[in-house]
Amino acid sequence: MATKKQQKTANYIVRYGNIRVDESMSYHLLIGYTRSQIKAYARNFRLRYEIVYIAKIDYSI
C-alpha cells in the first residue's frame, strides 16, 4: 500500500494581515507546523500571509 509522503514540520515566523491593504499586519511564531497548514489557515480566514523566517529555537535555559 502506498503511503502519503511525510511533510516536514518546522518553526516559522509568519506575518498575517487582512486582504485590505490599509489593515495592519501581525507576526506569529508557529511551532511545529507545515507550510501547507499555514497556507490553509490563511485561506480559511481570508488573510494574506508571508513566511518571514524559519526559526531555530533553543529550548535550553
N, C-alpha and C. Protein backbone atom coordinates (compact mmCIF):
# COMPACT_ATOMS: atom_id res chain seq x y z
N MET A 1 0.84 -1.17 0.00
CA MET A 1 0.00 0.00 0.00
C MET A 1 0.90 1.24 0.00
N ALA A 2 0.55 2.23 -0.80
CA ALA A 2 1.34 3.45 -0.88
C ALA A 2 1.07 4.33 0.34
N THR A 3 2.13 4.93 0.85
CA THR A 3 1.97 5.83 1.99
C THR A 3 2.11 7.26 1.53
N LYS A 4 1.43 8.14 2.24
CA LYS A 4 1.50 9.56 1.91
C LYS A 4 2.86 10.10 2.34
N LYS A 5 3.45 10.92 1.51
CA LYS A 5 4.75 11.50 1.81
C LYS A 5 4.66 12.38 3.05
N GLN A 6 5.56 12.17 3.98
CA GLN A 6 5.57 12.94 5.22
C GLN A 6 6.02 14.36 4.94
N GLN A 7 5.24 15.32 5.41
CA GLN A 7 5.61 16.72 5.23
C GLN A 7 6.49 17.16 6.39
N LYS A 8 7.43 18.03 6.10
CA LYS A 8 8.38 18.48 7.10
C LYS A 8 7.77 19.60 7.94
N THR A 9 7.80 19.42 9.25
CA THR A 9 7.35 20.48 10.14
C THR A 9 8.54 21.31 10.56
N ALA A 10 8.27 22.57 10.84
CA ALA A 10 9.33 23.48 11.26
C ALA A 10 8.71 24.58 12.10
N ASN A 11 9.55 25.44 12.61
CA ASN A 11 9.11 26.60 13.38
C ASN A 11 9.22 27.82 12.47
N TYR A 12 8.13 28.53 12.31
CA TYR A 12 8.09 29.65 11.38
C TYR A 12 7.68 30.92 12.09
N ILE A 13 8.20 32.04 11.63
CA ILE A 13 7.67 33.35 11.98
C ILE A 13 6.90 33.81 10.75
N VAL A 14 5.60 34.03 10.95
CA VAL A 14 4.71 34.33 9.83
C VAL A 14 4.04 35.68 10.08
N ARG A 15 3.92 36.47 9.01
CA ARG A 15 3.22 37.75 9.09
C ARG A 15 1.85 37.57 8.44
N TYR A 16 0.79 37.84 9.21
CA TYR A 16 -0.58 37.72 8.73
C TYR A 16 -1.22 39.10 8.68
N GLY A 17 -2.14 39.27 7.76
CA GLY A 17 -2.91 40.51 7.68
C GLY A 17 -4.14 40.31 6.83
N ASN A 18 -5.05 41.27 6.90
CA ASN A 18 -6.26 41.20 6.09
C ASN A 18 -5.95 41.47 4.63
N ILE A 19 -6.87 41.09 3.78
CA ILE A 19 -6.68 41.28 2.35
C ILE A 19 -6.64 42.77 2.01
N ARG A 20 -7.38 43.57 2.75
CA ARG A 20 -7.36 45.01 2.50
C ARG A 20 -5.99 45.57 2.83
N VAL A 21 -5.49 46.42 1.98
CA VAL A 21 -4.12 46.92 2.11
C VAL A 21 -3.96 47.82 3.33
N ASP A 22 -4.99 48.57 3.69
CA ASP A 22 -4.86 49.53 4.78
C ASP A 22 -4.94 48.90 6.17
N GLU A 23 -5.17 47.62 6.25
CA GLU A 23 -5.24 46.94 7.55
C GLU A 23 -3.84 46.63 8.07
N SER A 24 -3.74 46.48 9.38
CA SER A 24 -2.43 46.21 9.99
C SER A 24 -2.06 44.74 9.85
N MET A 25 -0.77 44.48 9.92
CA MET A 25 -0.23 43.13 9.85
C MET A 25 0.22 42.72 11.25
N SER A 26 0.21 41.44 11.54
CA SER A 26 0.70 40.95 12.83
C SER A 26 1.62 39.76 12.60
N TYR A 27 2.55 39.57 13.52
CA TYR A 27 3.52 38.49 13.43
C TYR A 27 3.14 37.38 14.40
N HIS A 28 3.34 36.13 13.97
CA HIS A 28 3.04 34.97 14.81
C HIS A 28 4.21 34.00 14.75
N LEU A 29 4.53 33.41 15.88
CA LEU A 29 5.52 32.34 15.94
C LEU A 29 4.75 31.03 15.96
N LEU A 30 4.93 30.23 14.92
CA LEU A 30 4.22 28.95 14.80
C LEU A 30 5.23 27.83 14.98
N ILE A 31 4.98 26.97 15.95
CA ILE A 31 5.92 25.90 16.30
C ILE A 31 5.34 24.57 15.84
N GLY A 32 6.09 23.86 15.00
CA GLY A 32 5.70 22.52 14.57
C GLY A 32 4.61 22.48 13.51
N TYR A 33 4.62 23.40 12.58
CA TYR A 33 3.63 23.43 11.51
C TYR A 33 4.30 23.16 10.17
N THR A 34 3.49 22.76 9.20
CA THR A 34 3.97 22.62 7.83
C THR A 34 3.53 23.85 7.04
N ARG A 35 4.17 24.05 5.89
CA ARG A 35 3.79 25.20 5.05
C ARG A 35 2.35 25.08 4.56
N SER A 36 1.90 23.87 4.29
CA SER A 36 0.52 23.70 3.81
C SER A 36 -0.49 24.02 4.91
N GLN A 37 -0.17 23.74 6.17
CA GLN A 37 -1.06 24.10 7.27
C GLN A 37 -1.16 25.61 7.43
N ILE A 38 -0.03 26.30 7.26
CA ILE A 38 -0.03 27.76 7.35
C ILE A 38 -0.87 28.35 6.22
N LYS A 39 -0.71 27.82 5.03
CA LYS A 39 -1.47 28.30 3.87
C LYS A 39 -2.96 28.06 4.06
N ALA A 40 -3.34 26.89 4.58
CA ALA A 40 -4.75 26.56 4.79
C ALA A 40 -5.37 27.48 5.84
N TYR A 41 -4.63 27.79 6.90
CA TYR A 41 -5.12 28.70 7.94
C TYR A 41 -5.40 30.08 7.34
N ALA A 42 -4.46 30.58 6.55
CA ALA A 42 -4.63 31.90 5.94
C ALA A 42 -5.81 31.90 4.97
N ARG A 43 -5.98 30.84 4.22
CA ARG A 43 -7.07 30.76 3.26
C ARG A 43 -8.42 30.71 3.99
N ASN A 44 -8.51 29.97 5.09
CA ASN A 44 -9.77 29.86 5.83
C ASN A 44 -10.24 31.20 6.37
N PHE A 45 -9.31 32.03 6.81
CA PHE A 45 -9.68 33.32 7.40
C PHE A 45 -9.49 34.49 6.42
N ARG A 46 -9.21 34.16 5.16
CA ARG A 46 -9.02 35.16 4.11
C ARG A 46 -7.97 36.19 4.51
N LEU A 47 -6.83 35.67 4.92
CA LEU A 47 -5.72 36.52 5.32
C LEU A 47 -4.59 36.44 4.31
N ARG A 48 -3.87 37.53 4.17
CA ARG A 48 -2.61 37.48 3.43
C ARG A 48 -1.57 36.97 4.41
N TYR A 49 -0.58 36.24 3.90
CA TYR A 49 0.47 35.76 4.79
C TYR A 49 1.79 35.78 4.07
N GLU A 50 2.84 35.86 4.84
CA GLU A 50 4.20 35.79 4.32
C GLU A 50 5.05 35.09 5.37
N ILE A 51 5.75 34.05 4.96
CA ILE A 51 6.68 33.38 5.87
C ILE A 51 7.94 34.24 5.92
N VAL A 52 8.18 34.84 7.08
CA VAL A 52 9.26 35.79 7.23
C VAL A 52 10.57 35.08 7.51
N TYR A 53 10.52 34.04 8.36
CA TYR A 53 11.76 33.42 8.81
C TYR A 53 11.46 32.01 9.28
N ILE A 54 12.36 31.10 9.00
CA ILE A 54 12.28 29.76 9.57
C ILE A 54 13.10 29.80 10.84
N ALA A 55 12.41 29.73 11.98
CA ALA A 55 13.04 29.98 13.27
C ALA A 55 13.74 28.74 13.80
N LYS A 56 14.90 28.95 14.36
CA LYS A 56 15.60 27.91 15.10
C LYS A 56 15.49 28.29 16.58
N ILE A 57 14.82 27.46 17.35
CA ILE A 57 14.53 27.79 18.73
C ILE A 57 15.43 26.96 19.64
N ASP A 58 16.08 27.64 20.57
CA ASP A 58 16.92 26.99 21.56
C ASP A 58 16.09 26.83 22.83
N TYR A 59 15.78 25.59 23.20
CA TYR A 59 14.92 25.34 24.35
C TYR A 59 15.69 25.25 25.66
N SER A 60 17.01 25.38 25.63
CA SER A 60 17.78 25.31 26.87
C SER A 60 17.59 26.58 27.68
N ILE A 61 17.77 26.45 28.97
CA ILE A 61 17.58 27.61 29.86
C ILE A 61 18.86 28.38 30.02
